[in-house]
Amino acid sequence: MYGKRRNRGRYIPLFILVILALVVALNFGKIKFMFNMIKSYMNIGQEDFIDENGSLKVGENPLLSIIEKGGEEAKIAAKFNDNFELMKSDYEAKLDSLIRVGYEEYKSGEVSTPKLANKLLKEGSRLEKECDNDFNAMIKEMEKELKANNHDTEVIKDLNEYYDSYKKAEKNQLMRKAKEHMD
């Protein structure tokens, strides 16, 4: 009888590890987003994405140089640039709304700060994932159209880099604003 209890005791650490792994797996998106936000917070000041006018500086949208050249490829680039700019405006508005609502909830004091932070991290992570999915779908469609018309697809790589740097700059600016409110 004593031996059976002892054997059960061996499974407790394994059970705890399985539970922890499950919790991490179910919350991986939130955890990744949180670490990215913390990393952005720690990097404030190390990378300057704000110019002297207070605007984001992330380089030029690579589609604009193609549009300037004219031709068939420019028509494709213009179409996808319009989609990209609309998507960007839409998600910036959603992010601004999330920040505004979060700030109002914070000011009201009705929700604890950790609960509010968790809620905002969860919603921010969801919003970023949704935006990434929409962007990737747009990129695939653009690549398909460029290939179908025998055009170079190098702009896809450039647009991905532009998008990543834009997101990084937005996060940095968001962290800068949050830090100002906390100081």
Protein backbone atom coordinates (compact mmCIF):
# COMPACT_ATOMS: atom_id res chain seq x y z
CA MET A 1 0.00 0.00 0.00
CA TYR A 2 2.82 2.38 0.88
CA GLY A 3 4.49 1.66 -2.47
CA LYS A 4 1.39 2.69 -4.47
CA ARG A 5 1.30 6.13 -2.80
CA ARG A 6 4.95 6.58 -3.51
CA ASN A 7 4.41 5.77 -7.21
CA ARG A 8 1.61 8.33 -7.41
CA GLY A 9 3.99 10.92 -5.98
CA ARG A 10 6.25 10.52 -9.01
CA TYR A 11 3.49 11.63 -11.32
CA ILE A 12 2.74 14.90 -9.53
CA PRO A 13 5.71 16.85 -11.01
CA LEU A 14 4.87 15.42 -14.44
CA PHE A 15 1.24 16.47 -14.02
CA ILE A 16 2.33 20.00 -13.03
CA LEU A 17 4.61 20.23 -16.09
CA VAL A 18 1.79 19.10 -18.37
CA ILE A 19 -0.55 21.72 -16.88
CA LEU A 20 2.11 24.45 -17.27
CA ALA A 21 2.78 23.41 -20.87
CA LEU A 22 -0.96 23.51 -21.58
CA VAL A 23 -1.32 26.99 -20.04
CA VAL A 24 1.63 28.29 -22.07
CA ALA A 25 0.32 26.69 -25.28
CA LEU A 26 -3.15 28.16 -24.82
CA ASN A 27 -1.77 31.63 -24.06
CA PHE A 28 1.21 31.64 -26.42
CA GLY A 29 -0.12 34.55 -28.50
CA LYS A 30 -0.66 36.69 -25.41
CA ILE A 31 2.73 35.74 -23.98
CA LYS A 32 4.51 36.53 -27.25
CA PHE A 33 2.70 39.86 -27.57
CA MET A 34 3.50 40.74 -23.94
CA PHE A 35 7.20 39.98 -24.41
CA ASN A 36 7.26 42.03 -27.61
CA MET A 37 5.65 44.94 -25.78
CA ILE A 38 8.12 44.63 -22.89
CA LYS A 39 10.97 44.47 -25.40
CA SER A 40 9.63 47.59 -27.10
CA TYR A 41 9.32 49.30 -23.73
CA MET A 42 12.92 48.44 -22.88
CA ASN A 43 14.13 49.71 -26.28
CA ILE A 44 12.51 53.14 -26.00
CA GLY A 45 15.16 55.68 -26.76
CA GLN A 46 17.55 53.14 -28.27
CA GLU A 47 15.76 53.28 -31.60
CA ASP A 48 14.26 56.56 -32.68
CA PHE A 49 11.27 56.16 -34.97
CA ILE A 50 10.00 59.72 -34.47
CA ASP A 51 11.21 62.59 -36.63
CA GLU A 52 11.46 66.24 -35.57
CA ASN A 53 7.79 66.82 -36.55
CA GLY A 54 6.57 64.01 -34.30
CA SER A 55 5.76 61.72 -37.24
CA LEU A 56 6.82 58.11 -37.58
CA LYS A 57 9.91 57.60 -39.71
CA VAL A 58 10.05 54.14 -41.20
CA GLY A 59 11.29 54.67 -44.71
CA GLU A 60 9.23 54.92 -47.84
CA ASN A 61 6.47 52.60 -48.88
CA PRO A 62 8.13 50.55 -51.68
CA LEU A 63 4.95 50.56 -53.76
CA LEU A 64 5.22 54.32 -54.27
CA SER A 65 8.42 54.06 -56.32
CA ILE A 66 6.77 51.51 -58.63
CA ILE A 67 3.70 53.72 -59.01
CA GLU A 68 5.92 56.68 -60.00
CA LYS A 69 7.47 54.65 -62.84
CA GLY A 70 4.11 54.10 -64.53
CA GLY A 71 3.11 51.18 -66.73
CA GLU A 72 1.19 47.97 -66.10
CA GLU A 73 3.16 47.11 -62.95
CA ALA A 74 2.30 50.57 -61.57
CA LYS A 75 -1.42 49.86 -61.97
CA ILE A 76 -1.05 46.69 -59.90
CA ALA A 77 1.05 48.51 -57.31
CA ALA A 78 -1.48 51.37 -57.11
CA LYS A 79 -4.35 48.94 -56.56
CA PHE A 80 -2.55 47.17 -53.74
CA ASN A 81 -1.20 50.41 -52.29
CA ASP A 82 -4.79 51.66 -51.97
CA ASN A 83 -5.73 48.41 -50.20
CA PHE A 84 -2.66 48.68 -47.96
CA GLU A 85 -3.37 52.30 -46.99
CA LEU A 86 -7.03 51.48 -46.24
CA MET A 87 -5.98 48.51 -44.12
CA LYS A 88 -3.41 50.63 -42.31
CA SER A 89 -5.96 53.37 -41.57
CA ASP A 90 -8.53 50.83 -40.42
CA TYR A 91 -6.18 49.12 -37.97
CA GLU A 92 -4.76 52.41 -36.71
CA ALA A 93 -8.34 53.52 -35.96
CA LYS A 94 -9.04 50.22 -34.16
CA LEU A 95 -5.84 50.59 -32.15
CA ASP A 96 -6.66 54.21 -31.27
CA SER A 97 -10.11 53.12 -30.15
CA LEU A 98 -8.64 50.34 -28.01
CA ILE A 99 -6.24 52.81 -26.39
CA ARG A 100 -9.00 55.37 -25.81
CA VAL A 101 -11.32 52.80 -24.22
CA GLY A 102 -8.48 51.41 -22.12
CA TYR A 103 -7.52 54.87 -20.91
CA GLU A 104 -11.13 55.67 -19.99
CA GLU A 105 -11.41 52.39 -18.06
CA TYR A 106 -8.13 53.17 -16.31
CA LYS A 107 -9.32 56.65 -15.35
CA SER A 108 -12.65 55.32 -14.05
CA GLY A 109 -10.82 53.05 -11.60
CA GLU A 110 -13.55 50.41 -11.91
CA VAL A 111 -11.16 47.75 -13.21
CA SER A 112 -7.95 46.70 -11.51
CA THR A 113 -4.80 47.69 -13.39
CA PRO A 114 -3.59 44.08 -13.87
CA LYS A 115 -7.01 43.03 -15.21
CA LEU A 116 -7.09 46.00 -17.54
CA ALA A 117 -3.53 45.34 -18.72
CA ASN A 118 -4.39 41.69 -19.41
CA LYS A 119 -7.52 42.71 -21.30
CA LEU A 120 -5.62 45.26 -23.39
CA LEU A 121 -2.77 42.83 -24.10
CA LYS A 122 -5.25 40.19 -25.20
CA GLU A 123 -7.13 42.60 -27.44
CA GLY A 124 -3.90 44.11 -28.80
CA SER A 125 -2.56 40.65 -29.59
CA ARG A 126 -5.80 39.73 -31.35
CA LEU A 127 -5.74 42.96 -33.33
CA GLU A 128 -2.11 42.48 -34.39
CA LYS A 129 -2.78 38.88 -35.47
CA GLU A 130 -5.85 39.96 -37.44
CA CYS A 131 -3.86 42.72 -39.15
CA ASP A 132 -0.99 40.33 -39.93
CA ASN A 133 -3.44 37.85 -41.47
CA ASP A 134 -5.05 40.55 -43.62
CA PHE A 135 -1.65 41.87 -44.70
CA ASN A 136 -0.35 38.39 -45.56
CA ALA A 137 -3.49 37.64 -47.59
CA MET A 138 -3.04 40.91 -49.48
CA ILE A 139 0.64 40.13 -50.12
CA LYS A 140 -0.18 36.66 -51.47
CA GLU A 141 -2.80 38.10 -53.79
CA MET A 142 -0.38 40.79 -54.99
CA GLU A 143 2.40 38.26 -55.59
CA LYS A 144 0.00 36.07 -57.55
CA GLU A 145 -1.07 39.01 -59.72
CA LEU A 146 2.53 40.16 -60.31
CA LYS A 147 3.57 36.63 -61.35
CA ALA A 148 0.53 36.25 -63.61
CA ASN A 149 1.61 39.40 -65.45
CA ASN A 150 5.32 38.43 -65.57
CA HIS A 151 6.48 41.20 -63.22
CA ASP A 152 9.27 41.10 -60.66
CA THR A 153 8.11 40.09 -57.16
CA GLU A 154 11.04 41.67 -55.27
CA VAL A 155 8.64 44.36 -54.04
CA ILE A 156 6.93 41.71 -51.89
CA LYS A 157 10.05 41.34 -49.76
CA ASP A 158 10.44 45.12 -49.56
CA LEU A 159 6.80 45.57 -48.58
CA ASN A 160 7.13 42.91 -45.87
CA GLU A 161 10.17 44.75 -44.46
CA TYR A 162 8.31 48.07 -44.62
CA TYR A 163 5.30 46.56 -42.82
CA ASP A 164 7.50 45.05 -40.09
CA SER A 165 9.37 48.31 -39.54
CA TYR A 166 6.09 50.23 -39.48
CA LYS A 167 4.66 47.88 -36.83
CA LYS A 168 7.86 48.18 -34.80
CA ALA A 169 7.71 51.97 -35.01
CA GLU A 170 4.04 52.00 -33.99
CA LYS A 171 4.77 49.78 -30.97
CA ASN A 172 7.70 51.99 -30.01
CA GLN A 173 5.53 55.10 -30.24
CA LEU A 174 2.78 53.41 -28.22
CA MET A 175 5.27 52.41 -25.52
CA ARG A 176 6.68 55.93 -25.47
CA LYS A 177 3.19 57.35 -24.87
CA ALA A 178 2.44 54.76 -22.19
CA LYS A 179 5.71 55.55 -20.45
CA GLU A 180 4.89 59.28 -20.49
CA HIS A 181 1.55 58.57 -18.77
CA MET A 182 3.24 56.42 -16.13
CA ASP A 183 5.92 59.00 -15.28
